[in-house]
Protein backbone atom coordinates (compact mmCIF):
# COMPACT_ATOMS: atom_id res chain seq x y z
CA MET A 1 92.16 27.17 90.60
CA ILE A 2 89.98 28.91 88.00
CA ALA A 3 87.22 26.36 88.46
CA PHE A 4 87.40 26.76 92.23
CA ALA A 5 87.22 30.56 91.94
CA VAL A 6 84.16 30.27 89.70
CA VAL A 7 82.42 28.00 92.22
CA VAL A 8 83.21 30.36 95.11
CA ALA A 9 81.98 33.39 93.14
CA ALA A 10 78.76 31.60 92.24
CA GLY A 11 78.19 30.65 95.87
CA ILE A 12 78.73 34.23 97.05
CA THR A 13 76.34 35.53 94.41
CA PHE A 14 73.63 33.05 95.42
CA VAL A 15 73.97 33.82 99.14
CA SER A 16 73.90 37.58 98.50
CA TYR A 17 70.78 37.21 96.37
CA VAL A 18 69.01 35.20 99.07
CA LEU A 19 69.99 37.44 101.98
CA TRP A 20 69.70 40.83 100.28
CA PRO A 21 66.91 42.85 101.97
CA THR A 22 63.83 43.35 99.83
CA TRP A 23 60.41 44.94 100.11
CA PRO A 24 57.13 44.34 98.35
CA LYS A 25 57.20 45.47 94.71
CA THR A 26 53.58 46.59 95.01
CA PRO A 27 53.05 49.31 97.66
CA VAL A 28 50.39 48.79 100.30
CA ALA A 29 47.00 50.16 99.22
CA LEU A 30 46.07 53.62 100.47
CA ASP A 31 42.95 52.32 102.19
CA ALA A 32 44.88 49.65 104.08
CA PRO A 33 44.96 49.84 107.89
CA SER A 34 47.97 51.24 109.72
CA ILE A 35 51.18 49.42 108.97
CA PRO A 36 54.02 48.78 111.46
CA VAL A 37 57.34 50.33 110.50
CA THR A 38 60.59 50.87 112.37
CA VAL A 39 62.80 53.93 112.04
CA ALA A 40 66.12 53.92 113.89
CA GLY A 41 64.88 50.79 115.66
CA VAL A 42 61.74 52.54 116.97
CA LEU A 43 58.32 51.06 116.20
CA PHE A 44 55.59 53.23 114.67
CA ASN A 45 52.10 52.44 113.37
CA LEU A 46 51.44 54.65 110.37
CA PRO A 47 48.27 55.05 108.27
CA SER A 48 49.05 54.04 104.70
CA ALA A 49 47.07 56.93 103.22
CA ALA A 50 49.27 59.45 105.06
CA ILE A 51 52.57 58.11 103.65
CA ARG A 52 53.59 60.36 100.78
CA ALA A 53 56.11 58.20 98.90
CA PRO A 54 54.71 54.95 97.41
CA ILE A 55 58.03 53.19 97.97
CA GLN A 56 57.67 53.84 101.72
CA ARG A 57 54.25 52.17 101.99
CA HIS A 58 55.45 48.82 103.26
CA PRO A 59 56.02 47.36 106.73
CA GLY A 60 59.51 46.90 108.05
CA ALA A 61 62.59 49.06 108.56
CA HIS A 62 62.94 52.50 107.00
CA GLU A 63 65.63 55.16 107.10
CA ARG A 64 62.89 57.82 107.05
CA VAL A 65 59.18 58.13 106.38
CA ASP A 66 57.34 61.21 105.06
CA LEU A 67 53.68 61.76 105.91
CA VAL A 68 50.98 64.39 105.48
CA PHE A 69 47.83 65.04 107.52
CA LEU A 70 44.93 67.46 107.22
CA TRP A 71 44.63 70.16 109.84
CA PRO A 72 42.82 70.28 112.21
CA SER A 73 41.23 66.84 111.64
CA LEU A 74 44.65 65.09 111.73
CA MET A 75 43.33 62.64 109.13
CA PRO A 76 45.19 61.62 105.96
CA PRO A 77 44.08 63.58 102.88
CA ALA A 78 41.96 61.97 100.19
CA ALA A 79 43.90 59.86 97.71
CA ASP A 80 43.36 62.32 94.85
CA SER A 81 44.07 65.51 96.81
CA GLU A 82 47.75 65.13 97.73
CA PRO A 83 50.30 64.03 95.10
CA ALA A 84 52.90 61.59 96.39
CA ILE A 85 56.50 62.71 96.57
CA ASP A 86 59.06 61.16 94.26
CA ASP A 87 60.60 57.81 95.11
CA ASP A 88 63.99 59.53 95.40
CA GLY A 89 62.74 61.37 98.48
CA ALA A 90 62.34 64.83 96.93
CA VAL A 91 59.94 66.91 99.02
CA PRO A 92 57.81 69.52 97.21
CA ALA A 93 57.50 73.03 98.60
CA LEU A 94 55.39 73.32 101.73
CA ARG A 95 51.79 74.26 101.07
CA THR A 96 50.26 76.97 103.20
CA ASP A 97 46.68 75.80 103.61
CA ASP A 98 45.60 72.92 105.83
CA ARG A 99 48.47 70.47 105.46
CA LEU A 100 50.70 69.25 108.27
CA PHE A 101 53.86 67.58 106.98
CA VAL A 102 55.58 65.00 109.19
CA THR A 103 58.98 63.36 108.77
CA ILE A 104 60.26 60.51 110.93
CA ALA A 105 63.99 59.80 110.71
CA GLY A 106 66.89 58.66 112.83
CA LEU A 107 68.43 61.30 115.07
CA GLY A 108 71.94 60.30 114.05
CA ALA A 109 74.74 62.59 115.24
CA VAL A 110 72.42 65.60 115.64
CA LEU A 111 71.79 66.81 119.18
CA PRO A 112 68.31 66.13 120.59
CA PRO A 113 65.85 69.03 120.29
CA LEU A 114 65.98 69.99 123.99
CA GLU A 115 69.78 70.13 123.97
CA ARG A 116 69.68 72.35 120.89
CA LEU A 117 67.26 74.65 122.72
CA HIS A 118 69.60 75.06 125.70
CA THR A 119 73.06 74.91 124.11
CA ILE A 120 72.94 75.71 120.39
CA TYR A 121 70.18 78.24 119.75
CA PRO A 122 71.28 80.75 122.45
CA ARG A 123 74.65 81.14 120.69
CA TYR A 124 72.99 82.54 117.56
CA ALA A 125 69.96 84.38 118.96
CA GLU A 126 69.45 88.03 119.77
CA ALA A 127 69.51 89.11 123.40
CA LEU A 128 65.86 90.10 123.73
CA ALA A 129 62.66 88.34 122.66
CA LYS A 130 59.43 89.95 121.49
CA SER A 131 56.00 89.13 122.90
CA GLY A 132 53.75 86.99 120.71
CA PRO A 133 50.10 85.89 120.88
CA GLN A 134 48.77 83.75 123.72
CA GLY A 135 51.91 83.83 125.85
CA ILE A 136 54.64 82.98 123.36
CA ALA A 137 57.97 84.72 122.87
CA ILE A 138 59.61 85.40 119.50
CA LEU A 139 63.41 85.48 119.62
CA PRO A 140 65.11 86.43 116.32
CA PHE A 141 68.32 84.75 115.22
CA ARG A 142 71.17 87.10 114.33
CA ALA A 143 72.20 87.86 110.77
CA GLY A 144 75.27 85.95 109.60
CA THR A 145 74.40 82.85 111.68
CA PRO A 146 73.25 79.43 110.40
CA TYR A 147 69.67 80.41 111.32
CA GLU A 148 69.63 83.83 109.66
CA GLY A 149 66.12 84.82 108.63
CA GLU A 150 64.49 82.61 111.28
CA ASP A 151 62.96 83.12 114.71
CA LEU A 152 62.88 80.88 117.75
CA VAL A 153 59.28 80.85 119.01
CA TYR A 154 58.55 79.30 122.40
CA SER A 155 56.13 79.22 125.30
CA VAL A 156 57.09 81.79 127.91
CA ASP A 157 55.86 79.63 130.80
CA LYS A 158 57.27 76.27 129.66
CA PRO A 159 59.62 76.62 126.68
CA GLU A 160 60.66 72.95 126.91
CA LEU A 161 57.10 71.86 126.08
CA PHE A 162 56.66 74.01 122.99
CA PHE A 163 59.38 75.62 120.90
CA VAL A 164 59.69 75.92 117.12
CA ARG A 165 62.00 77.44 114.55
CA CYS A 166 60.15 79.58 112.03
CA SER A 167 61.20 81.27 108.82
CA ARG A 168 60.03 84.84 108.35
CA PRO A 169 57.64 85.75 105.55
CA ALA A 170 59.50 87.19 102.57
CA ARG A 171 57.63 88.87 99.72
CA MET A 172 55.23 86.24 98.36
CA VAL A 173 56.75 83.37 100.37
CA PRO A 174 54.89 82.72 103.65
CA GLY A 175 56.72 81.77 106.81
CA THR A 176 56.88 78.14 107.90
CA CYS A 177 57.69 76.52 111.25
CA ILE A 178 59.50 73.36 112.29
CA TYR A 179 58.54 71.51 115.46
CA GLU A 180 60.85 68.67 116.50
CA MET A 181 60.41 66.03 119.16
CA LEU A 182 62.30 62.90 120.15
CA ALA A 183 60.87 59.38 120.11
CA ASP A 184 63.62 57.28 121.68
CA THR A 185 66.33 57.21 118.95
CA ALA A 186 64.06 58.61 116.23
CA GLU A 187 63.13 62.23 115.63
CA ILE A 188 59.68 63.41 114.54
CA THR A 189 59.69 66.67 112.60
CA LEU A 190 56.44 68.54 111.92
CA ARG A 191 56.28 71.39 109.37
CA PHE A 192 53.37 73.81 109.29
CA PRO A 193 52.50 77.40 108.27
CA ARG A 194 53.66 80.12 110.63
CA ASP A 195 50.16 81.61 110.60
CA TRP A 196 49.02 78.71 112.79
CA LEU A 197 50.94 80.20 115.73
CA THR A 198 48.02 82.52 116.46
CA ASP A 199 46.41 79.42 118.03
CA TRP A 200 49.62 77.76 119.13
CA ARG A 201 48.08 76.06 122.17
CA ASP A 202 45.63 74.17 119.94
CA VAL A 203 48.50 73.38 117.59
CA ALA A 204 50.62 71.95 120.43
CA ASP A 205 47.68 69.87 121.67
CA GLY A 206 47.04 68.54 118.17
CA PHE A 207 50.69 67.58 117.75
CA ASP A 208 50.59 65.62 121.01
CA ARG A 209 47.46 63.77 119.95
CA LEU A 210 48.90 62.93 116.54
CA THR A 211 52.27 61.68 117.79
CA ALA A 212 50.54 59.63 120.48
CA ARG A 213 48.64 57.82 117.71
CA LEU A 214 51.83 57.14 115.77
CA HIS A 215 54.00 56.20 118.73
CA THR A 216 53.87 56.29 122.53
CA LEU A 217 56.41 58.97 123.32
CA ARG A 218 58.50 59.33 126.42
CA ARG A 219 59.23 62.94 127.34
């Protein structure tokens, strides 16, 4: 019986070793062409130089991918200008210059962005919105809610096409905005400085062009 148990254990160990998912030990070079990755079963083609974590620079399935692009060129930064994030997924504080930070992850149990706009955000927002530049509205969230200290900023004409959640500037900390969009079962999250909202139409157009390069989205 002991000998049989040893044989079975050895067989299980061998099969597990053979079938255990692996990835290349050496990350793809920064100057390599776009690599195909899947997130939540959705296919994306991502430029290697834009991927921030070295461990994520390989083709295949990922739980999430973190990227950075220069604004307004929408090109990856030079290799020596943007330090990679840690392999454990830690994300440094958002810079406030010309960086656009992008995260692709599975939607999971979270409601899609449009459903949050119509069903969740109104529960926590003030009754009246303020007018913003170029036809946007700024709707503050109430104190004591999960979004305290943030504003919902959206296009007055077509809020479904452009809406973001933005933190308010506080002392020396500038405000930042989060733009979320759905790509089948994956969610693309873009983080950028709130100051960009003065030209929000150009920002929205740039986001559409960038996401179209990464993945053909269905609205």
